[in-house]
Structure formats: C-alpha cells, structure tokens
C-alpha cells in the first residue's frame, strides 16, 4: 500500500478495505458529524462503500483522502489529506481541498494539524500545486484552529450546502515564505 507522507508520529497512506471497521467506528459516531451536516453511517457496508469511493478517486482523479495512521500503535486515527474537487465553491472549480476526520478518541491531540501540514507539504513539494483550499463550519473552532496552525488563512465566510463556513486558502508563495 502506498504511503504519501509521514511525520515523526503519523503515516498518511492509501485507505484500504482493512480500514473498514475503524472507518465505520469513526463515521458512525454522531459527534463526529456535529459540524458536517451529514448523517452517521449505519452499517459496515456503508463504510466499505465509502472506502471504495475514495479508492475510485485515487484512480479517476489521482488523489483522494488518505488514512492517518499512528506510527507507534499502527492504529487508524482517521482520514485526511487532499481531495480534488470538481464542484464550484467560493468561485473556485477544480481545486484541491485539504481536510481530515478523526475518531473521537484522537481529538485534541494535534493529529488534524499534523496531517494537514503534511498534506500541504505534499501538495506544494510533490504535486507542485499553486494553491490549497479548505472549508470549515464557523462553529467548529477546533478545525479552524488546526487549519490556521497549518498555515492557511481565512479569506471568506460563506454558506456551503446550507452551512455557514470559513473559507481557507494557502498559496505556494505563502508556503515558501
């Protein structure tokens, strides 16, 4: 399985079928969905389908969210990384979005920031992108802090899919300075 990035503490690797149980545990938790406007998964089959969808993105788009794995315990922490978005958000179409979703027991431990920083590094150093964007519910203070610590800036507030969101941006020049 391909490893895309790593830090002292985590590996960002492709999501695989054997991640299904932990993926389901994460996405079945209503608290995980508090700021997402989405519904928790109800079956392991839904987790398997979500993983297959991500794996299809790897093939079709060359990128998709990655598994965040703790190096010491080899535990699935959640997913993170880059996603190529073909929809239009804040005037941008065909852009790369950085994001993450974690199992609740890993919240508040720096994993979101660490995976976002590693993903942004991959975006600029490996993919040679010019910009990376992100969205976070305005009420999700922890997520906004993680994105800000990762070097992104809030440049707009908008409503996306009925949710008030902050729009974040980082450009190559910002990353390199």
C-alpha atoms as a PDB file:
ATOM      1  CA  UNK A   1       0.000   0.000   0.000  1.00  0.00           C
ATOM      2  CA  UNK A   2       1.280   3.425  -0.930  1.00  0.00           C
ATOM      3  CA  UNK A   3       2.479   5.888   1.702  1.00  0.00           C
ATOM      4  CA  UNK A   4       2.050   9.502   0.592  1.00  0.00           C
ATOM      5  CA  UNK A   5       3.526  11.395   3.528  1.00  0.00           C
ATOM      6  CA  UNK A   6       4.739  10.898   7.053  1.00  0.00           C
ATOM      7  CA  UNK A   7       5.802  12.825  10.104  1.00  0.00           C
ATOM      8  CA  UNK A   8       7.522  11.734  13.296  1.00  0.00           C
ATOM      9  CA  UNK A   9       4.170  10.489  14.603  1.00  0.00           C
ATOM     10  CA  UNK A  10       1.898   9.592  11.671  1.00  0.00           C
ATOM     11  CA  UNK A  11       1.798   7.950   8.271  1.00  0.00           C
ATOM     12  CA  UNK A  12      -0.582   9.148   5.560  1.00  0.00           C
ATOM     13  CA  UNK A  13      -1.278   6.151   3.352  1.00  0.00           C
ATOM     14  CA  UNK A  14      -3.949   4.983   0.993  1.00  0.00           C
ATOM     15  CA  UNK A  15      -7.182   3.872   2.625  1.00  0.00           C
ATOM     16  CA  UNK A  16      -7.722   0.132   2.180  1.00  0.00           C
ATOM     17  CA  UNK A  17     -10.519  -2.363   2.819  1.00  0.00           C
ATOM     18  CA  UNK A  18      -8.985  -3.469   6.128  1.00  0.00           C
ATOM     19  CA  UNK A  19      -9.632   0.063   7.458  1.00  0.00           C
ATOM     20  CA  UNK A  20     -13.396  -0.543   7.244  1.00  0.00           C
ATOM     21  CA  UNK A  21     -14.031  -1.363  10.926  1.00  0.00           C
ATOM     22  CA  UNK A  22     -12.202   1.725  12.234  1.00  0.00           C
ATOM     23  CA  UNK A  23     -13.653   3.867   9.422  1.00  0.00           C
ATOM     24  CA  UNK A  24     -17.123   2.699  10.454  1.00  0.00           C
ATOM     25  CA  UNK A  25     -16.427   3.395  14.146  1.00  0.00           C
ATOM     26  CA  UNK A  26     -15.428   6.951  13.210  1.00  0.00           C
ATOM     27  CA  UNK A  27     -18.240   7.691  10.765  1.00  0.00           C
ATOM     28  CA  UNK A  28     -20.987   6.024  12.817  1.00  0.00           C
ATOM     29  CA  UNK A  29     -20.342   8.431  15.706  1.00  0.00           C
ATOM     30  CA  UNK A  30     -22.953  11.243  15.734  1.00  0.00           C
ATOM     31  CA  UNK A  31     -20.478  13.612  17.441  1.00  0.00           C
ATOM     32  CA  UNK A  32     -18.099  13.269  14.500  1.00  0.00           C
ATOM     33  CA  UNK A  33     -20.877  14.634  12.267  1.00  0.00           C
ATOM     34  CA  UNK A  34     -21.808  17.599  14.511  1.00  0.00           C
ATOM     35  CA  UNK A  35     -20.358  20.250  12.194  1.00  0.00           C
ATOM     36  CA  UNK A  36     -20.574  18.368   8.898  1.00  0.00           C
ATOM     37  CA  UNK A  37     -24.260  18.467   8.075  1.00  0.00           C
ATOM     38  CA  UNK A  38     -24.100  14.759   7.293  1.00  0.00           C
ATOM     39  CA  UNK A  39     -25.628  11.640   8.795  1.00  0.00           C
ATOM     40  CA  UNK A  40     -23.657   8.968  10.646  1.00  0.00           C
ATOM     41  CA  UNK A  41     -23.137   5.652   8.903  1.00  0.00           C
ATOM     42  CA  UNK A  42     -25.467   2.865   9.964  1.00  0.00           C
ATOM     43  CA  UNK A  43     -23.635  -0.212   8.682  1.00  0.00           C
ATOM     44  CA  UNK A  44     -20.178  -1.525   7.941  1.00  0.00           C
ATOM     45  CA  UNK A  45     -21.328  -1.914   4.323  1.00  0.00           C
ATOM     46  CA  UNK A  46     -21.629   1.879   4.109  1.00  0.00           C
ATOM     47  CA  UNK A  47     -18.045   2.206   5.366  1.00  0.00           C
ATOM     48  CA  UNK A  48     -16.866  -0.298   2.761  1.00  0.00           C
ATOM     49  CA  UNK A  49     -18.709   1.664   0.051  1.00  0.00           C
ATOM     50  CA  UNK A  50     -17.152   4.944   1.256  1.00  0.00           C
ATOM     51  CA  UNK A  51     -13.679   3.391   1.146  1.00  0.00           C
ATOM     52  CA  UNK A  52     -14.339   2.088  -2.356  1.00  0.00           C
ATOM     53  CA  UNK A  53     -15.475   5.577  -3.406  1.00  0.00           C
ATOM     54  CA  UNK A  54     -12.204   7.064  -2.102  1.00  0.00           C
ATOM     55  CA  UNK A  55     -10.200   4.356  -3.870  1.00  0.00           C
ATOM     56  CA  UNK A  56     -12.043   5.174  -7.101  1.00  0.00           C
ATOM     57  CA  UNK A  57     -10.972   8.806  -6.652  1.00  0.00           C
ATOM     58  CA  UNK A  58      -7.342   7.646  -6.489  1.00  0.00           C
ATOM     59  CA  UNK A  59      -7.767   6.123  -9.957  1.00  0.00           C
ATOM     60  CA  UNK A  60     -10.078   8.701 -11.553  1.00  0.00           C
ATOM     61  CA  UNK A  61      -8.621  11.891 -10.067  1.00  0.00           C
ATOM     62  CA  UNK A  62      -5.132  10.859  -8.996  1.00  0.00           C
ATOM     63  CA  UNK A  63      -5.839  11.803  -5.374  1.00  0.00           C
ATOM     64  CA  UNK A  64      -8.289  11.145  -2.554  1.00  0.00           C
ATOM     65  CA  UNK A  65      -8.328  11.214   1.230  1.00  0.00           C
ATOM     66  CA  UNK A  66      -5.691   9.102   2.972  1.00  0.00           C
ATOM     67  CA  UNK A  67      -5.685   7.020   6.135  1.00  0.00           C
ATOM     68  CA  UNK A  68      -3.995   8.741   9.072  1.00  0.00           C
ATOM     69  CA  UNK A  69      -2.155   6.018  10.980  1.00  0.00           C
ATOM     70  CA  UNK A  70      -0.337   6.411  14.288  1.00  0.00           C
ATOM     71  CA  UNK A  71       3.202   5.073  13.797  1.00  0.00           C
ATOM     72  CA  UNK A  72       3.644   3.807  17.347  1.00  0.00           C
ATOM     73  CA  UNK A  73       0.362   1.885  17.690  1.00  0.00           C
ATOM     74  CA  UNK A  74      -0.378   1.336  13.971  1.00  0.00           C
ATOM     75  CA  UNK A  75      -3.942   2.495  14.749  1.00  0.00           C
ATOM     76  CA  UNK A  76      -6.225   4.118  12.192  1.00  0.00           C
ATOM     77  CA  UNK A  77      -6.682   7.644  13.561  1.00  0.00           C
ATOM     78  CA  UNK A  78      -8.984   8.854  10.796  1.00  0.00           C
ATOM     79  CA  UNK A  79      -8.699  10.136   7.275  1.00  0.00           C
ATOM     80  CA  UNK A  80      -7.022  13.252   5.992  1.00  0.00           C
ATOM     81  CA  UNK A  81      -5.182  14.678   3.071  1.00  0.00           C
ATOM     82  CA  UNK A  82      -6.130  16.171  -0.231  1.00  0.00           C
ATOM     83  CA  UNK A  83      -9.222  15.857  -2.359  1.00  0.00           C
ATOM     84  CA  UNK A  84      -9.649  17.146  -5.898  1.00  0.00           C
ATOM     85  CA  UNK A  85     -12.966  18.987  -6.005  1.00  0.00           C
ATOM     86  CA  UNK A  86     -14.757  19.438  -9.299  1.00  0.00           C
ATOM     87  CA  UNK A  87     -17.670  21.412  -7.859  1.00  0.00           C
ATOM     88  CA  UNK A  88     -17.619  25.202  -7.544  1.00  0.00           C
ATOM     89  CA  UNK A  89     -17.070  26.714  -4.104  1.00  0.00           C
ATOM     90  CA  UNK A  90     -16.315  30.386  -3.469  1.00  0.00           C
ATOM     91  CA  UNK A  91     -15.640  30.918  -7.174  1.00  0.00           C
ATOM     92  CA  UNK A  92     -13.168  28.028  -7.398  1.00  0.00           C
ATOM     93  CA  UNK A  93     -13.702  24.933  -9.556  1.00  0.00           C
ATOM     94  CA  UNK A  94     -11.289  22.007  -9.998  1.00  0.00           C
ATOM     95  CA  UNK A  95      -9.304  22.752  -6.854  1.00  0.00           C
ATOM     96  CA  UNK A  96      -7.525  20.813  -4.119  1.00  0.00           C
ATOM     97  CA  UNK A  97      -9.077  20.797  -0.672  1.00  0.00           C
ATOM     98  CA  UNK A  98      -7.260  19.726   2.487  1.00  0.00           C
ATOM     99  CA  UNK A  99      -9.331  18.074   5.185  1.00  0.00           C
ATOM    100  CA  UNK A 100      -9.485  15.478   7.918  1.00  0.00           C
ATOM    101  CA  UNK A 101     -11.909  13.477  10.025  1.00  0.00           C
ATOM    102  CA  UNK A 102     -10.784  11.691  13.174  1.00  0.00           C
ATOM    103  CA  UNK A 103     -12.027   9.064  15.571  1.00  0.00           C
ATOM    104  CA  UNK A 104     -13.223  10.948  18.648  1.00  0.00           C
ATOM    105  CA  UNK A 105     -10.594   9.401  20.937  1.00  0.00           C
ATOM    106  CA  UNK A 106      -7.911  11.169  18.852  1.00  0.00           C
ATOM    107  CA  UNK A 107      -9.459  14.647  19.056  1.00  0.00           C
ATOM    108  CA  UNK A 108      -7.413  17.382  20.713  1.00  0.00           C
ATOM    109  CA  UNK A 109      -4.085  15.601  20.235  1.00  0.00           C
ATOM    110  CA  UNK A 110      -2.750  17.512  17.233  1.00  0.00           C
ATOM    111  CA  UNK A 111      -3.453  14.854  14.602  1.00  0.00           C
ATOM    112  CA  UNK A 112      -5.600  17.155  12.426  1.00  0.00           C
ATOM    113  CA  UNK A 113      -2.918  19.849  12.341  1.00  0.00           C
ATOM    114  CA  UNK A 114      -0.157  17.320  11.754  1.00  0.00           C
ATOM    115  CA  UNK A 115      -1.965  15.614   8.882  1.00  0.00           C
ATOM    116  CA  UNK A 116      -2.942  18.972   7.319  1.00  0.00           C
ATOM    117  CA  UNK A 117       0.663  20.232   7.464  1.00  0.00           C
ATOM    118  CA  UNK A 118       1.967  17.004   5.899  1.00  0.00           C
ATOM    119  CA  UNK A 119      -0.745  17.163   3.219  1.00  0.00           C
ATOM    120  CA  UNK A 120       0.065  20.782   2.387  1.00  0.00           C
ATOM    121  CA  UNK A 121       3.759  19.913   2.157  1.00  0.00           C
ATOM    122  CA  UNK A 122       2.851  17.075  -0.253  1.00  0.00           C
ATOM    123  CA  UNK A 123       0.652  19.467  -2.279  1.00  0.00           C
ATOM    124  CA  UNK A 124       3.410  22.011  -2.816  1.00  0.00           C
ATOM    125  CA  UNK A 125       6.542  19.859  -2.832  1.00  0.00           C
ATOM    126  CA  UNK A 126       5.331  16.720  -4.613  1.00  0.00           C
ATOM    127  CA  UNK A 127       2.307  17.779  -6.653  1.00  0.00           C
ATOM    128  CA  UNK A 128       3.739  21.276  -7.284  1.00  0.00           C
ATOM    129  CA  UNK A 129       0.310  22.875  -6.771  1.00  0.00           C
ATOM    130  CA  UNK A 130      -0.158  26.638  -6.724  1.00  0.00           C
ATOM    131  CA  UNK A 131      -2.852  26.663  -4.018  1.00  0.00           C
ATOM    132  CA  UNK A 132      -4.713  24.540  -1.474  1.00  0.00           C
ATOM    133  CA  UNK A 133      -8.104  25.440  -0.013  1.00  0.00           C
ATOM    134  CA  UNK A 134     -10.289  24.264   2.873  1.00  0.00           C
ATOM    135  CA  UNK A 135     -13.746  24.759   4.343  1.00  0.00           C
ATOM    136  CA  UNK A 136     -14.767  24.506   7.989  1.00  0.00           C
ATOM    137  CA  UNK A 137     -18.061  25.130   9.739  1.00  0.00           C
ATOM    138  CA  UNK A 138     -17.756  28.516  11.500  1.00  0.00           C
ATOM    139  CA  UNK A 139     -18.796  26.828  14.757  1.00  0.00           C
ATOM    140  CA  UNK A 140     -16.062  24.186  14.502  1.00  0.00           C
ATOM    141  CA  UNK A 141     -13.415  26.135  16.392  1.00  0.00           C
ATOM    142  CA  UNK A 142     -11.052  23.154  16.730  1.00  0.00           C
ATOM    143  CA  UNK A 143     -10.988  22.535  12.987  1.00  0.00           C
ATOM    144  CA  UNK A 144     -10.459  26.214  12.221  1.00  0.00           C
ATOM    145  CA  UNK A 145      -7.552  26.335  14.685  1.00  0.00           C
ATOM    146  CA  UNK A 146      -5.965  23.257  13.084  1.00  0.00           C
ATOM    147  CA  UNK A 147      -6.199  24.807   9.615  1.00  0.00           C
ATOM    148  CA  UNK A 148      -4.785  28.122  10.834  1.00  0.00           C
ATOM    149  CA  UNK A 149      -1.891  26.330  12.589  1.00  0.00           C
ATOM    150  CA  UNK A 150      -1.256  24.542   9.289  1.00  0.00           C
ATOM    151  CA  UNK A 151      -0.607  27.843   7.535  1.00  0.00           C
ATOM    152  CA  UNK A 152      -3.947  28.502   5.857  1.00  0.00           C
ATOM    153  CA  UNK A 153      -5.699  31.865   6.189  1.00  0.00           C
ATOM    154  CA  UNK A 154      -9.417  32.582   6.479  1.00  0.00           C
ATOM    155  CA  UNK A 155     -10.296  34.696   3.454  1.00  0.00           C
ATOM    156  CA  UNK A 156     -14.089  34.475   3.373  1.00  0.00           C
ATOM    157  CA  UNK A 157     -17.213  33.370   5.168  1.00  0.00           C
ATOM    158  CA  UNK A 158     -19.820  31.673   3.003  1.00  0.00           C
ATOM    159  CA  UNK A 159     -22.749  29.304   3.088  1.00  0.00           C
ATOM    160  CA  UNK A 160     -21.954  25.911   1.604  1.00  0.00           C
ATOM    161  CA  UNK A 161     -24.645  23.237   1.428  1.00  0.00           C
ATOM    162  CA  UNK A 162     -26.673  25.237   3.952  1.00  0.00           C
ATOM    163  CA  UNK A 163     -23.823  25.547   6.474  1.00  0.00           C
ATOM    164  CA  UNK A 164     -22.017  28.761   7.422  1.00  0.00           C
ATOM    165  CA  UNK A 165     -18.346  28.076   6.692  1.00  0.00           C
ATOM    166  CA  UNK A 166     -14.983  29.759   6.796  1.00  0.00           C
ATOM    167  CA  UNK A 167     -13.057  29.533   3.530  1.00  0.00           C
ATOM    168  CA  UNK A 168      -9.315  28.959   3.952  1.00  0.00           C
ATOM    169  CA  UNK A 169      -6.504  29.432   1.442  1.00  0.00           C
ATOM    170  CA  UNK A 170      -2.768  28.898   1.212  1.00  0.00           C
ATOM    171  CA  UNK A 171      -0.757  29.739  -1.871  1.00  0.00           C
ATOM    172  CA  UNK A 172       2.660  28.468  -2.888  1.00  0.00           C
ATOM    173  CA  UNK A 173       4.271  31.874  -2.137  1.00  0.00           C
ATOM    174  CA  UNK A 174       2.839  31.787   1.416  1.00  0.00           C
ATOM    175  CA  UNK A 175       4.080  28.234   1.914  1.00  0.00           C
ATOM    176  CA  UNK A 176       7.568  29.017   0.649  1.00  0.00           C
ATOM    177  CA  UNK A 177       7.986  32.160   2.784  1.00  0.00           C
END
